[in-house]
Amino acid sequence: MITNTIKTFLLLGILTLLLVYAGKLIGGNFGMLIALIVAGIMNFMSWFFSDKIATASVGAREVKREEAPELHAMVEEVAMAAGIPKPKVYIAPLSQPNAFATGRNPKNAAVVFTEGILRLLNRRELKGVIAHEIAHIKNRDILVMSVAATLAGAIAYLVNMLQWALIFGYGSRDRENYNPIAAIASIILLPIAATIIQLAVSRSREYMADEAGARFINDPMALAYALEKLAYGVRASSDEVPQYMSHMFIVNPLSGEFLAELFSTHPPIEKRVARLKSLAEKMF
């Protein structure tokens, strides 16, 4: 877990450097400063309103304890084991079996379940999923992934500005050290690099949440069994979730081929299950 944490912050650092470089290409040192300020504002907005945006995007509604007493009891039990306040419980009217956590911190968090996941999984498997989402909340992954997504988005915006700058000849006349070849290469490579790094951050956090959640309930195989069912269930479902939210859900319906894995928000299900089985062998 320590290795994954270091990897996450290293990747975020690289994203920040790419953002600074993109800003410098457009406006020198002043452009670099503006890029950082814009990214900071965007990060704050996406973090502070992340729960409202996420729940509204899938039409989720908060359910009270009397509506789903067993679900609330499981969420409360796992939250207590993790040492965090019990998050709110939401249900989204989607047949696709999936779930995600949202909220800016453990005190303002929620776990969202689709109707499909509540129908598909048994109690043990659902508890494994809850533990995974509680781990995201405890590890403050919503903040980390929001920062990564916002930095990548800011880079894409700056690269778009750079394209227009090249069209109108900006830089060749305004800056002595301007290199048009480097600028063109940056237009092509920066968005690709930013996307790959953003997705790598997300995959790293998924592995961490898998392990931490398994330890909360002392049952790695609960999540392993759930992931195997969910992988099939998501592919078989006709419902689709918003593309921009794919990184938040517990499973993503992309295959495990190299190229798909490189551009996926999640590690392949097979690798996650294998890690959980290995953890189960070590724990017992």
Protein backbone atom coordinates (compact mmCIF):
# COMPACT_ATOMS: atom_id res chain seq x y z
CA MET A 1 0.00 0.00 0.00
CA ILE A 2 2.89 2.37 0.75
CA THR A 3 4.28 1.73 -2.74
CA ASN A 4 0.94 2.61 -4.34
CA THR A 5 0.70 5.80 -2.25
CA ILE A 6 4.15 6.92 -3.37
CA LYS A 7 3.24 6.05 -6.96
CA THR A 8 0.03 8.11 -6.74
CA PHE A 9 1.74 11.26 -5.53
CA LEU A 10 4.58 10.81 -8.02
CA LEU A 11 2.04 10.63 -10.85
CA LEU A 12 0.20 13.70 -9.54
CA GLY A 13 3.53 15.52 -9.43
CA ILE A 14 4.20 14.62 -13.07
CA LEU A 15 0.71 15.84 -14.04
CA THR A 16 1.42 19.16 -12.31
CA LEU A 17 4.73 19.51 -14.17
CA LEU A 18 2.98 18.82 -17.49
CA LEU A 19 0.44 21.52 -16.63
CA VAL A 20 3.19 24.00 -15.80
CA TYR A 21 5.00 23.16 -19.04
CA ALA A 22 1.82 23.65 -21.09
CA GLY A 23 1.24 27.03 -19.44
CA LYS A 24 4.84 28.07 -20.10
CA LEU A 25 4.55 27.16 -23.79
CA ILE A 26 1.59 29.50 -24.15
CA GLY A 27 2.54 32.48 -22.03
CA GLY A 28 6.00 32.01 -20.54
CA ASN A 29 6.30 32.41 -16.77
CA PHE A 30 3.05 34.38 -16.58
CA GLY A 31 1.19 31.65 -18.47
CA MET A 32 2.64 29.08 -16.10
CA LEU A 33 1.31 31.00 -13.09
CA ILE A 34 -2.15 31.41 -14.64
CA ALA A 35 -2.26 27.68 -15.40
CA LEU A 36 -1.61 26.83 -11.75
CA ILE A 37 -4.23 29.30 -10.49
CA VAL A 38 -6.88 27.99 -12.90
CA ALA A 39 -6.11 24.39 -11.90
CA GLY A 40 -6.43 25.32 -8.23
CA ILE A 41 -9.85 26.90 -8.73
CA MET A 42 -11.07 23.94 -10.79
CA ASN A 43 -9.81 21.50 -8.16
CA PHE A 44 -11.64 23.32 -5.39
CA MET A 45 -14.93 23.41 -7.31
CA SER A 46 -14.82 19.76 -8.37
CA TRP A 47 -13.87 18.63 -4.85
CA PHE A 48 -16.43 20.71 -2.93
CA PHE A 49 -19.40 19.80 -5.14
CA SER A 50 -18.30 16.28 -6.15
CA ASP A 51 -21.04 14.46 -4.19
CA LYS A 52 -23.91 16.55 -5.58
CA ILE A 53 -22.63 16.28 -9.14
CA ALA A 54 -22.04 12.52 -8.90
CA THR A 55 -25.38 11.57 -7.38
CA ALA A 56 -27.34 13.82 -9.74
CA SER A 57 -25.51 12.38 -12.77
CA VAL A 58 -26.95 8.91 -12.16
CA GLY A 59 -30.32 10.02 -10.75
CA ALA A 60 -29.50 8.58 -7.33
CA ARG A 61 -31.67 9.33 -4.30
CA GLU A 62 -30.80 9.05 -0.64
CA VAL A 63 -32.54 6.17 1.12
CA LYS A 64 -33.28 6.23 4.84
CA ARG A 65 -32.66 3.39 7.26
CA GLU A 66 -36.31 2.36 7.35
CA GLU A 67 -36.31 1.91 3.55
CA ALA A 68 -33.25 -0.37 3.45
CA PRO A 69 -32.40 -1.45 7.01
CA GLU A 70 -30.08 -4.34 6.06
CA LEU A 71 -28.09 -2.22 3.62
CA HIS A 72 -27.71 0.55 6.18
CA ALA A 73 -26.62 -1.98 8.81
CA MET A 74 -23.88 -3.36 6.56
CA VAL A 75 -22.60 0.11 5.65
CA GLU A 76 -22.59 1.07 9.33
CA GLU A 77 -20.75 -2.12 10.32
CA VAL A 78 -17.99 -1.65 7.75
CA ALA A 79 -17.64 2.08 8.47
CA MET A 80 -17.20 1.28 12.15
CA ALA A 81 -14.51 -1.29 11.31
CA ALA A 82 -12.74 1.32 9.18
CA GLY A 83 -12.98 3.94 11.92
CA ILE A 84 -14.95 6.53 9.93
CA PRO A 85 -18.47 8.02 10.30
CA LYS A 86 -21.23 6.11 8.54
CA PRO A 87 -21.68 7.59 5.05
CA LYS A 88 -25.07 8.35 3.53
CA VAL A 89 -26.66 5.64 1.41
CA TYR A 90 -27.97 6.32 -2.10
CA ILE A 91 -29.62 4.07 -4.69
CA ALA A 92 -29.47 4.82 -8.42
CA PRO A 93 -32.24 3.52 -10.75
CA LEU A 94 -29.82 1.64 -13.04
CA SER A 95 -29.93 -2.02 -13.96
CA GLN A 96 -26.17 -2.10 -14.45
CA PRO A 97 -24.65 -3.69 -11.31
CA ASN A 98 -22.23 -1.13 -9.96
CA ALA A 99 -21.42 1.15 -7.02
CA PHE A 100 -19.25 4.13 -6.13
CA ALA A 101 -18.33 6.39 -3.23
CA THR A 102 -18.38 10.15 -3.31
CA GLY A 103 -17.96 13.12 -0.97
CA ARG A 104 -15.17 15.53 -0.11
CA ASN A 105 -14.18 13.85 3.17
CA PRO A 106 -15.29 11.02 5.52
CA LYS A 107 -17.72 13.35 7.32
CA ASN A 108 -19.46 14.31 4.07
CA ALA A 109 -19.46 11.03 2.18
CA ALA A 110 -21.97 8.78 0.48
CA VAL A 111 -22.01 5.33 -1.05
CA VAL A 112 -24.17 4.92 -4.15
CA PHE A 113 -25.53 1.51 -5.18
CA THR A 114 -27.35 0.76 -8.41
CA GLU A 115 -30.52 -1.29 -8.28
CA GLY A 116 -28.70 -3.86 -10.40
CA ILE A 117 -25.97 -4.54 -7.87
CA LEU A 118 -28.49 -5.00 -5.06
CA ARG A 119 -30.25 -7.66 -7.14
CA LEU A 120 -27.11 -9.45 -8.34
CA LEU A 121 -24.93 -9.89 -5.25
CA ASN A 122 -25.53 -11.91 -2.12
CA ARG A 123 -24.96 -10.43 1.33
CA ARG A 124 -21.31 -11.50 1.62
CA GLU A 125 -20.39 -10.15 -1.82
CA LEU A 126 -22.23 -6.88 -1.24
CA LYS A 127 -20.35 -6.43 2.01
CA GLY A 128 -17.09 -6.83 0.06
CA VAL A 129 -18.19 -4.06 -2.31
CA ILE A 130 -19.18 -1.82 0.62
CA ALA A 131 -15.76 -2.39 2.19
CA HIS A 132 -14.06 -1.35 -1.07
CA GLU A 133 -16.07 1.89 -1.24
CA ILE A 134 -15.52 2.63 2.46
CA ALA A 135 -11.79 2.23 1.79
CA HIS A 136 -12.03 4.88 -0.95
CA ILE A 137 -13.66 7.23 1.55
CA LYS A 138 -11.12 6.55 4.29
CA ASN A 139 -8.20 6.98 1.86
CA ARG A 140 -9.74 10.23 0.54
CA ASP A 141 -9.55 8.86 -2.99
CA ILE A 142 -12.36 11.10 -4.20
CA LEU A 143 -10.12 14.11 -3.57
CA VAL A 144 -7.06 12.47 -5.18
CA MET A 145 -8.93 11.37 -8.30
CA SER A 146 -10.71 14.72 -8.60
CA VAL A 147 -7.34 16.47 -8.54
CA ALA A 148 -5.98 14.11 -11.20
CA ALA A 149 -9.03 14.56 -13.43
CA THR A 150 -8.94 18.35 -13.08
CA LEU A 151 -5.22 18.59 -13.83
CA ALA A 152 -5.68 16.43 -16.93
CA GLY A 153 -8.63 18.59 -18.00
CA ALA A 154 -6.65 21.80 -17.49
CA ILE A 155 -3.81 20.41 -19.62
CA ALA A 156 -6.26 19.57 -22.41
CA TYR A 157 -7.65 23.11 -22.23
CA LEU A 158 -4.18 24.67 -22.43
CA VAL A 159 -3.21 22.45 -25.34
CA ASN A 160 -6.33 23.65 -27.17
CA MET A 161 -5.21 27.23 -26.55
CA LEU A 162 -1.75 26.35 -27.87
CA GLN A 163 -3.29 25.03 -31.09
CA TRP A 164 -5.01 28.36 -31.70
CA ALA A 165 -1.78 30.19 -30.82
CA LEU A 166 0.07 28.28 -33.53
CA ILE A 167 -2.67 28.98 -36.09
CA PHE A 168 -2.33 32.73 -35.51
CA GLY A 169 1.46 32.67 -35.32
CA TYR A 170 1.70 33.42 -31.62
CA GLY A 171 5.11 32.84 -30.09
CA SER A 172 7.30 32.96 -33.24
CA ARG A 173 7.14 36.77 -33.12
CA ASP A 174 6.59 37.24 -29.39
CA ARG A 175 9.33 35.05 -27.91
CA GLU A 176 12.89 34.66 -29.09
CA ASN A 177 13.25 31.13 -27.70
CA TYR A 178 9.97 29.83 -29.05
CA ASN A 179 10.31 26.42 -30.72
CA PRO A 180 7.40 25.60 -33.06
CA ILE A 181 8.47 21.96 -33.44
CA ALA A 182 8.39 21.47 -29.68
CA ALA A 183 5.00 23.17 -29.57
CA ILE A 184 3.53 20.86 -32.23
CA ALA A 185 4.97 17.79 -30.48
CA SER A 186 3.46 19.02 -27.22
CA ILE A 187 0.01 19.38 -28.80
CA ILE A 188 0.15 15.71 -29.78
CA LEU A 189 1.87 14.19 -26.75
CA LEU A 190 0.70 16.22 -23.74
CA PRO A 191 -2.98 15.15 -23.79
CA ILE A 192 -1.99 11.49 -24.28
CA ALA A 193 0.53 11.61 -21.43
CA ALA A 194 -1.92 13.42 -19.13
CA THR A 195 -4.68 10.90 -19.82
CA ILE A 196 -2.41 7.89 -19.23
CA ILE A 197 -1.15 9.37 -15.94
CA GLN A 198 -4.68 10.24 -14.77
CA LEU A 199 -5.83 6.69 -15.46
CA ALA A 200 -2.75 5.24 -13.75
CA VAL A 201 -3.65 7.23 -10.61
CA SER A 202 -7.16 5.77 -10.70
CA ARG A 203 -5.90 2.20 -11.15
CA SER A 204 -3.44 2.59 -8.28
CA ARG A 205 -6.21 3.75 -5.95
CA GLU A 206 -8.41 0.81 -6.96
CA TYR A 207 -5.75 -1.68 -5.87
CA MET A 208 -5.36 0.16 -2.56
CA ALA A 209 -9.12 0.16 -1.94
CA ASP A 210 -9.37 -3.55 -2.76
CA GLU A 211 -6.75 -4.46 -0.18
CA ALA A 212 -7.85 -2.02 2.52
CA GLY A 213 -11.51 -3.03 2.16
CA ALA A 214 -10.64 -6.72 2.36
CA ARG A 215 -8.78 -6.09 5.61
CA PHE A 216 -11.67 -4.09 7.10
CA ILE A 217 -13.96 -7.13 6.90
CA ASN A 218 -11.21 -9.76 7.12
CA ASP A 219 -12.56 -11.44 3.97
CA PRO A 220 -10.68 -10.79 0.67
CA MET A 221 -12.71 -13.43 -1.16
CA ALA A 222 -15.98 -11.56 -0.58
CA LEU A 223 -14.81 -8.82 -2.95
CA ALA A 224 -13.12 -11.31 -5.29
CA TYR A 225 -16.40 -13.17 -5.81
CA ALA A 226 -18.27 -9.88 -6.20
CA LEU A 227 -15.86 -8.59 -8.86
CA GLU A 228 -16.23 -11.76 -10.91
CA LYS A 229 -20.02 -11.41 -10.88
CA LEU A 230 -19.90 -7.68 -11.58
CA ALA A 231 -17.54 -8.06 -14.53
CA TYR A 232 -20.12 -10.25 -16.27
CA GLY A 233 -23.11 -8.22 -15.06
CA VAL A 234 -21.79 -4.89 -16.34
CA ARG A 235 -21.11 -6.31 -19.80
CA ALA A 236 -24.56 -7.90 -19.96
CA SER A 237 -26.40 -4.74 -18.90
CA SER A 238 -28.00 -2.36 -21.38
CA ASP A 239 -27.63 0.61 -19.02
CA GLU A 240 -24.64 2.88 -19.42
CA VAL A 241 -23.18 5.30 -16.89
CA PRO A 242 -21.85 8.73 -17.90
CA GLN A 243 -18.38 8.29 -19.45
CA TYR A 244 -16.86 11.07 -17.34
CA MET A 245 -17.83 9.15 -14.20
CA SER A 246 -16.38 5.79 -15.22
CA HIS A 247 -13.37 6.17 -12.92
CA MET A 248 -15.62 6.37 -9.85
CA PHE A 249 -17.38 3.02 -10.21
CA ILE A 250 -16.07 -0.22 -8.72
CA VAL A 251 -15.89 -1.97 -12.12
CA ASN A 252 -15.37 -0.79 -15.69
CA PRO A 253 -16.46 -2.90 -18.71
CA LEU A 254 -13.16 -2.72 -20.63
CA SER A 255 -11.23 -5.84 -21.58
CA GLY A 256 -7.83 -6.73 -20.19
CA GLU A 257 -5.92 -6.34 -23.46
CA PHE A 258 -2.81 -4.17 -23.23
CA LEU A 259 -4.13 -1.13 -25.08
CA ALA A 260 -7.49 -1.27 -23.30
CA GLU A 261 -5.72 -1.69 -19.97
CA LEU A 262 -3.49 1.30 -20.69
CA PHE A 263 -6.50 3.56 -21.31
CA SER A 264 -8.80 2.05 -18.68
CA THR A 265 -9.71 3.71 -15.40
CA HIS A 266 -9.54 0.33 -13.64
CA PRO A 267 -7.07 -2.55 -13.46
CA PRO A 268 -8.28 -5.74 -15.19
CA ILE A 269 -10.72 -7.72 -13.05
CA GLU A 270 -8.48 -10.79 -13.39
CA LYS A 271 -5.53 -8.98 -11.81
CA ARG A 272 -7.66 -7.58 -8.99
CA VAL A 273 -9.11 -11.01 -8.22
CA ALA A 274 -5.65 -12.61 -8.32
CA ARG A 275 -4.34 -10.04 -5.82
CA LEU A 276 -7.28 -10.63 -3.52
CA LYS A 277 -6.77 -14.41 -3.66
CA SER A 278 -3.08 -13.92 -2.84
CA LEU A 279 -4.04 -11.68 0.08
CA ALA A 280 -6.51 -14.32 1.33
CA GLU A 281 -3.74 -16.93 1.31
CA LYS A 282 -1.49 -14.65 3.36
CA MET A 283 -4.22 -13.73 5.84
CA PHE A 284 -5.37 -17.28 6.51
